[in-house]
Structure formats: structure tokens, C-alpha cells
């Protein structure tokens, strides 16, 4: 028996069914950029993918950076036979005093036979009790699609920028 009272032989089946439900999720009509790169130099040695942005608190007409906020980057992938795999996520480092966040997907985190087809960045957590309500401005709740990047030769990295993302002290119907 598994600790939750589920017979041991059913646990793997439940896991497979859960993963199947996750991979069949609808991601809307947005184009799905492929995050693999055709440059032969890059094919030989996959580059780390960096995601950066800013998280702010909007209170009235005032904007302030949030130090210690965390974002999440969730990606879909396709394995070598064309089957989608379960989404995987990484968290950013906590934002600095300017509200700047950075997350990295390293090649060793991803199988060599896996092609990343779509990544989105989301607000995950604000440490401020007086500014904890996430907004969907720049798709902070629904997920900002990583769509264009810069190749940073000096850092040997592919860099995406999203946001800025906003939290607010209270819920409001207009996105703030």
C-alpha cells in the first residue's frame, strides 16, 4: 500500500493517467515557437536558455519593484518520436531590489532527444503581504509566451525577456 491508501499496483497507473491529462491541456490558438535552434554550432552544444523580466507592485498610480518575488517558467516538450511529454517547470531566482528576475533552463535539465516546443512565464509568489494579488497584465497569470530571443555570444546563452509583471494590493476587474 502507498501511504495514501492507494494499492501499490495502482499508483503507476494513476501517475500515467495524470500525465496524460496534463499533456492534453489546451494552450489556445497562440503560435507555439520551437525553442530548438537550427544553427549547426548550437546543435552540437545546446545553449542554456535564460528568461528575464521585472516584477512590480502597482498601487494607484505608483509602481514599486518587489524584492524577493518569484516567477515560474513552464515548458512543453516533444520527444524524438513526436509525442508530447508532461510539462516541466523551473522557478526563477528571487527578484533583486529592482524587481529583476532571472531563470535558466540548462541543457542537462532536458533530454538530448527532447525538443522544447513552448515555454511560458508566470507570476509565482510575492513576499509582500500588502501587494500579493497577481494581475494578468502582460500575461503574468495566463502565461507570457517566450517568443523572441537574443543570442548572447559573450555569455553563450539564449535570452528571452518577458513582462513587466505586476502585483497589486487588491483585486480589480480591469487587470490591475
C-alpha atoms as a PDB file:
ATOM      1  CA  UNK A   1       0.000   0.000   0.000  1.00  0.00           C
ATOM      2  CA  UNK A   2       1.098   3.522  -0.770  1.00  0.00           C
ATOM      3  CA  UNK A   3       0.854   5.935   2.182  1.00  0.00           C
ATOM      4  CA  UNK A   4      -2.395   7.460   0.861  1.00  0.00           C
ATOM      5  CA  UNK A   5      -4.280   4.160   0.944  1.00  0.00           C
ATOM      6  CA  UNK A   6      -3.980   3.543  -2.821  1.00  0.00           C
ATOM      7  CA  UNK A   7      -2.918  -0.025  -3.627  1.00  0.00           C
ATOM      8  CA  UNK A   8       0.728  -0.037  -4.724  1.00  0.00           C
ATOM      9  CA  UNK A   9      -0.035  -1.533  -8.151  1.00  0.00           C
ATOM     10  CA  UNK A  10      -2.473   1.338  -8.972  1.00  0.00           C
ATOM     11  CA  UNK A  11      -0.021   4.166  -8.207  1.00  0.00           C
ATOM     12  CA  UNK A  12       1.886   3.910 -11.542  1.00  0.00           C
ATOM     13  CA  UNK A  13      -1.413   3.782 -13.455  1.00  0.00           C
ATOM     14  CA  UNK A  14      -2.665   6.936 -11.702  1.00  0.00           C
ATOM     15  CA  UNK A  15       0.618   8.677 -12.471  1.00  0.00           C
ATOM     16  CA  UNK A  16       0.367   7.808 -16.184  1.00  0.00           C
ATOM     17  CA  UNK A  17      -3.264   8.965 -16.334  1.00  0.00           C
ATOM     18  CA  UNK A  18      -2.352  12.237 -14.591  1.00  0.00           C
ATOM     19  CA  UNK A  19       0.468  12.887 -17.051  1.00  0.00           C
ATOM     20  CA  UNK A  20      -1.853  12.141 -19.970  1.00  0.00           C
ATOM     21  CA  UNK A  21      -4.356  14.707 -18.663  1.00  0.00           C
ATOM     22  CA  UNK A  22      -1.649  17.330 -18.294  1.00  0.00           C
ATOM     23  CA  UNK A  23      -0.249  16.794 -21.798  1.00  0.00           C
ATOM     24  CA  UNK A  24      -3.690  17.106 -23.375  1.00  0.00           C
ATOM     25  CA  UNK A  25      -4.196  20.619 -21.926  1.00  0.00           C
ATOM     26  CA  UNK A  26      -5.378  23.275 -24.391  1.00  0.00           C
ATOM     27  CA  UNK A  27      -2.933  26.140 -24.802  1.00  0.00           C
ATOM     28  CA  UNK A  28      -5.185  28.207 -27.074  1.00  0.00           C
ATOM     29  CA  UNK A  29      -4.550  29.417 -30.593  1.00  0.00           C
ATOM     30  CA  UNK A  30      -1.248  31.139 -29.835  1.00  0.00           C
ATOM     31  CA  UNK A  31       1.609  30.050 -32.084  1.00  0.00           C
ATOM     32  CA  UNK A  32       3.945  27.572 -30.452  1.00  0.00           C
ATOM     33  CA  UNK A  33       7.520  28.669 -31.080  1.00  0.00           C
ATOM     34  CA  UNK A  34      10.035  25.874 -31.250  1.00  0.00           C
ATOM     35  CA  UNK A  35      12.887  26.537 -28.867  1.00  0.00           C
ATOM     36  CA  UNK A  36      15.397  24.340 -30.627  1.00  0.00           C
ATOM     37  CA  UNK A  37      17.798  26.142 -32.910  1.00  0.00           C
ATOM     38  CA  UNK A  38      18.930  25.165 -36.379  1.00  0.00           C
ATOM     39  CA  UNK A  39      22.393  26.759 -36.261  1.00  0.00           C
ATOM     40  CA  UNK A  40      24.830  23.849 -36.623  1.00  0.00           C
ATOM     41  CA  UNK A  41      27.075  25.291 -33.889  1.00  0.00           C
ATOM     42  CA  UNK A  42      24.151  25.327 -31.470  1.00  0.00           C
ATOM     43  CA  UNK A  43      23.013  21.802 -32.440  1.00  0.00           C
ATOM     44  CA  UNK A  44      26.363  20.385 -31.386  1.00  0.00           C
ATOM     45  CA  UNK A  45      26.303  22.029 -27.978  1.00  0.00           C
ATOM     46  CA  UNK A  46      22.875  23.114 -26.662  1.00  0.00           C
ATOM     47  CA  UNK A  47      22.942  26.573 -25.117  1.00  0.00           C
ATOM     48  CA  UNK A  48      21.350  27.472 -21.796  1.00  0.00           C
ATOM     49  CA  UNK A  49      18.082  29.400 -22.097  1.00  0.00           C
ATOM     50  CA  UNK A  50      17.734  32.481 -19.886  1.00  0.00           C
ATOM     51  CA  UNK A  51      14.446  34.207 -19.086  1.00  0.00           C
ATOM     52  CA  UNK A  52      14.447  37.688 -17.563  1.00  0.00           C
ATOM     53  CA  UNK A  53      11.945  40.354 -16.571  1.00  0.00           C
ATOM     54  CA  UNK A  54      10.760  42.698 -13.852  1.00  0.00           C
ATOM     55  CA  UNK A  55       8.082  42.282 -11.167  1.00  0.00           C
ATOM     56  CA  UNK A  56       6.429  45.428  -9.795  1.00  0.00           C
ATOM     57  CA  UNK A  57       3.750  46.387  -7.293  1.00  0.00           C
ATOM     58  CA  UNK A  58       1.146  48.772  -8.717  1.00  0.00           C
ATOM     59  CA  UNK A  59      -0.760  50.722  -6.120  1.00  0.00           C
ATOM     60  CA  UNK A  60      -2.857  53.515  -7.608  1.00  0.00           C
ATOM     61  CA  UNK A  61      -0.542  55.450  -9.925  1.00  0.00           C
ATOM     62  CA  UNK A  62       2.568  54.287  -8.084  1.00  0.00           C
ATOM     63  CA  UNK A  63       4.870  51.468  -9.238  1.00  0.00           C
ATOM     64  CA  UNK A  64       7.497  49.929  -6.985  1.00  0.00           C
ATOM     65  CA  UNK A  65       9.820  46.994  -7.612  1.00  0.00           C
ATOM     66  CA  UNK A  66       9.182  43.910  -5.499  1.00  0.00           C
ATOM     67  CA  UNK A  67      12.273  42.355  -3.977  1.00  0.00           C
ATOM     68  CA  UNK A  68      12.029  38.599  -3.368  1.00  0.00           C
ATOM     69  CA  UNK A  69       9.232  37.811  -5.863  1.00  0.00           C
ATOM     70  CA  UNK A  70       9.486  34.529  -7.774  1.00  0.00           C
ATOM     71  CA  UNK A  71       8.299  33.616 -11.265  1.00  0.00           C
ATOM     72  CA  UNK A  72       7.772  30.197 -12.839  1.00  0.00           C
ATOM     73  CA  UNK A  73       8.679  29.099 -16.359  1.00  0.00           C
ATOM     74  CA  UNK A  74       6.730  26.103 -17.652  1.00  0.00           C
ATOM     75  CA  UNK A  75       7.661  24.337 -20.887  1.00  0.00           C
ATOM     76  CA  UNK A  76       6.158  21.667 -23.103  1.00  0.00           C
ATOM     77  CA  UNK A  77       8.327  19.239 -24.978  1.00  0.00           C
ATOM     78  CA  UNK A  78       8.156  16.694 -27.737  1.00  0.00           C
ATOM     79  CA  UNK A  79      10.251  13.529 -27.593  1.00  0.00           C
ATOM     80  CA  UNK A  80      12.055  12.067 -30.604  1.00  0.00           C
ATOM     81  CA  UNK A  81       9.003  10.034 -31.749  1.00  0.00           C
ATOM     82  CA  UNK A  82       6.772  13.145 -31.786  1.00  0.00           C
ATOM     83  CA  UNK A  83       4.896  12.526 -28.536  1.00  0.00           C
ATOM     84  CA  UNK A  84       4.303  15.427 -26.148  1.00  0.00           C
ATOM     85  CA  UNK A  85       5.713  14.918 -22.671  1.00  0.00           C
ATOM     86  CA  UNK A  86       4.329  16.233 -19.404  1.00  0.00           C
ATOM     87  CA  UNK A  87       5.091  19.935 -18.874  1.00  0.00           C
ATOM     88  CA  UNK A  88       8.049  20.770 -16.665  1.00  0.00           C
ATOM     89  CA  UNK A  89       8.752  23.951 -14.695  1.00  0.00           C
ATOM     90  CA  UNK A  90      11.629  25.893 -13.199  1.00  0.00           C
ATOM     91  CA  UNK A  91      11.450  28.762 -10.731  1.00  0.00           C
ATOM     92  CA  UNK A  92      13.359  31.991 -11.134  1.00  0.00           C
ATOM     93  CA  UNK A  93      15.794  33.293  -8.610  1.00  0.00           C
ATOM     94  CA  UNK A  94      14.030  35.761  -6.252  1.00  0.00           C
ATOM     95  CA  UNK A  95      13.890  39.271  -7.682  1.00  0.00           C
ATOM     96  CA  UNK A  96      16.524  41.772  -6.624  1.00  0.00           C
ATOM     97  CA  UNK A  97      15.893  45.237  -5.134  1.00  0.00           C
ATOM     98  CA  UNK A  98      14.975  46.499  -8.644  1.00  0.00           C
ATOM     99  CA  UNK A  99      12.375  43.754  -9.163  1.00  0.00           C
ATOM    100  CA  UNK A 100      14.594  41.985 -11.732  1.00  0.00           C
ATOM    101  CA  UNK A 101      14.204  38.221 -12.060  1.00  0.00           C
ATOM    102  CA  UNK A 102      16.187  35.621 -13.959  1.00  0.00           C
ATOM    103  CA  UNK A 103      15.503  31.934 -14.610  1.00  0.00           C
ATOM    104  CA  UNK A 104      17.647  29.456 -16.507  1.00  0.00           C
ATOM    105  CA  UNK A 105      16.943  26.211 -18.341  1.00  0.00           C
ATOM    106  CA  UNK A 106      20.188  24.291 -18.650  1.00  0.00           C
ATOM    107  CA  UNK A 107      20.718  21.657 -21.367  1.00  0.00           C
ATOM    108  CA  UNK A 108      21.415  18.958 -18.769  1.00  0.00           C
ATOM    109  CA  UNK A 109      17.876  19.510 -17.419  1.00  0.00           C
ATOM    110  CA  UNK A 110      16.486  18.498 -20.805  1.00  0.00           C
ATOM    111  CA  UNK A 111      16.985  15.141 -22.527  1.00  0.00           C
ATOM    112  CA  UNK A 112      19.093  15.201 -25.700  1.00  0.00           C
ATOM    113  CA  UNK A 113      16.165  13.703 -27.633  1.00  0.00           C
ATOM    114  CA  UNK A 114      13.686  16.316 -26.412  1.00  0.00           C
ATOM    115  CA  UNK A 115      12.581  19.336 -28.418  1.00  0.00           C
ATOM    116  CA  UNK A 116      11.085  22.174 -26.371  1.00  0.00           C
ATOM    117  CA  UNK A 117       8.038  23.461 -28.226  1.00  0.00           C
ATOM    118  CA  UNK A 118       6.578  26.075 -25.920  1.00  0.00           C
ATOM    119  CA  UNK A 119       7.565  27.910 -22.751  1.00  0.00           C
ATOM    120  CA  UNK A 120       5.544  30.432 -20.759  1.00  0.00           C
ATOM    121  CA  UNK A 121       6.489  32.623 -17.800  1.00  0.00           C
ATOM    122  CA  UNK A 122       4.055  33.154 -14.899  1.00  0.00           C
ATOM    123  CA  UNK A 123       3.914  35.072 -11.642  1.00  0.00           C
ATOM    124  CA  UNK A 124       4.501  32.607  -8.821  1.00  0.00           C
ATOM    125  CA  UNK A 125       4.842  34.443  -5.475  1.00  0.00           C
ATOM    126  CA  UNK A 126       5.156  37.887  -3.937  1.00  0.00           C
ATOM    127  CA  UNK A 127       6.709  38.211  -0.481  1.00  0.00           C
ATOM    128  CA  UNK A 128       4.779  41.437   0.233  1.00  0.00           C
ATOM    129  CA  UNK A 129       1.660  40.946   2.326  1.00  0.00           C
ATOM    130  CA  UNK A 130       0.399  44.366   1.163  1.00  0.00           C
ATOM    131  CA  UNK A 131       0.954  43.556  -2.558  1.00  0.00           C
ATOM    132  CA  UNK A 132       0.161  39.873  -3.155  1.00  0.00           C
ATOM    133  CA  UNK A 133      -2.617  39.845  -5.767  1.00  0.00           C
ATOM    134  CA  UNK A 134      -1.197  38.850  -9.182  1.00  0.00           C
ATOM    135  CA  UNK A 135      -2.512  40.563 -12.319  1.00  0.00           C
ATOM    136  CA  UNK A 136      -2.707  39.297 -15.874  1.00  0.00           C
ATOM    137  CA  UNK A 137      -1.049  42.409 -17.271  1.00  0.00           C
ATOM    138  CA  UNK A 138       1.491  41.142 -19.832  1.00  0.00           C
ATOM    139  CA  UNK A 139       0.037  37.662 -19.162  1.00  0.00           C
ATOM    140  CA  UNK A 140       1.502  37.304 -15.674  1.00  0.00           C
ATOM    141  CA  UNK A 141      -1.315  34.889 -14.721  1.00  0.00           C
ATOM    142  CA  UNK A 142      -2.209  33.237 -18.050  1.00  0.00           C
ATOM    143  CA  UNK A 143       1.443  32.863 -19.088  1.00  0.00           C
ATOM    144  CA  UNK A 144       3.688  35.089 -21.187  1.00  0.00           C
ATOM    145  CA  UNK A 145       4.795  33.073 -24.200  1.00  0.00           C
ATOM    146  CA  UNK A 146       8.534  33.109 -24.866  1.00  0.00           C
ATOM    147  CA  UNK A 147       8.590  34.117 -28.493  1.00  0.00           C
ATOM    148  CA  UNK A 148      11.658  36.160 -29.440  1.00  0.00           C
ATOM    149  CA  UNK A 149      15.171  35.895 -28.128  1.00  0.00           C
ATOM    150  CA  UNK A 150      18.644  37.338 -28.337  1.00  0.00           C
ATOM    151  CA  UNK A 151      21.740  35.230 -28.659  1.00  0.00           C
ATOM    152  CA  UNK A 152      24.287  36.403 -26.093  1.00  0.00           C
ATOM    153  CA  UNK A 153      27.583  35.248 -27.562  1.00  0.00           C
ATOM    154  CA  UNK A 154      29.651  36.519 -24.604  1.00  0.00           C
ATOM    155  CA  UNK A 155      27.509  34.501 -22.159  1.00  0.00           C
ATOM    156  CA  UNK A 156      26.972  31.579 -24.551  1.00  0.00           C
ATOM    157  CA  UNK A 157      23.224  31.808 -23.837  1.00  0.00           C
ATOM    158  CA  UNK A 158      19.861  32.397 -25.487  1.00  0.00           C
ATOM    159  CA  UNK A 159      17.973  35.159 -23.633  1.00  0.00           C
ATOM    160  CA  UNK A 160      14.213  35.822 -23.585  1.00  0.00           C
ATOM    161  CA  UNK A 161      12.591  38.865 -21.960  1.00  0.00           C
ATOM    162  CA  UNK A 162       9.003  38.942 -20.617  1.00  0.00           C
ATOM    163  CA  UNK A 163       6.862  41.337 -18.640  1.00  0.00           C
ATOM    164  CA  UNK A 164       6.943  43.520 -16.753  1.00  0.00           C
ATOM    165  CA  UNK A 165       4.640  41.615 -14.430  1.00  0.00           C
ATOM    166  CA  UNK A 166       2.522  43.277 -11.735  1.00  0.00           C
ATOM    167  CA  UNK A 167       1.052  42.509  -8.345  1.00  0.00           C
ATOM    168  CA  UNK A 168      -1.479  44.813  -6.699  1.00  0.00           C
ATOM    169  CA  UNK A 169      -2.745  45.258  -3.137  1.00  0.00           C
ATOM    170  CA  UNK A 170      -6.314  44.296  -4.071  1.00  0.00           C
ATOM    171  CA  UNK A 171      -8.279  42.542  -6.776  1.00  0.00           C
ATOM    172  CA  UNK A 172      -9.717  44.673  -9.551  1.00  0.00           C
ATOM    173  CA  UNK A 173     -11.645  43.744 -12.694  1.00  0.00           C
ATOM    174  CA  UNK A 174      -9.506  45.704 -15.203  1.00  0.00           C
ATOM    175  CA  UNK A 175      -6.340  43.604 -14.914  1.00  0.00           C
ATOM    176  CA  UNK A 176      -4.643  45.630 -12.180  1.00  0.00           C
END
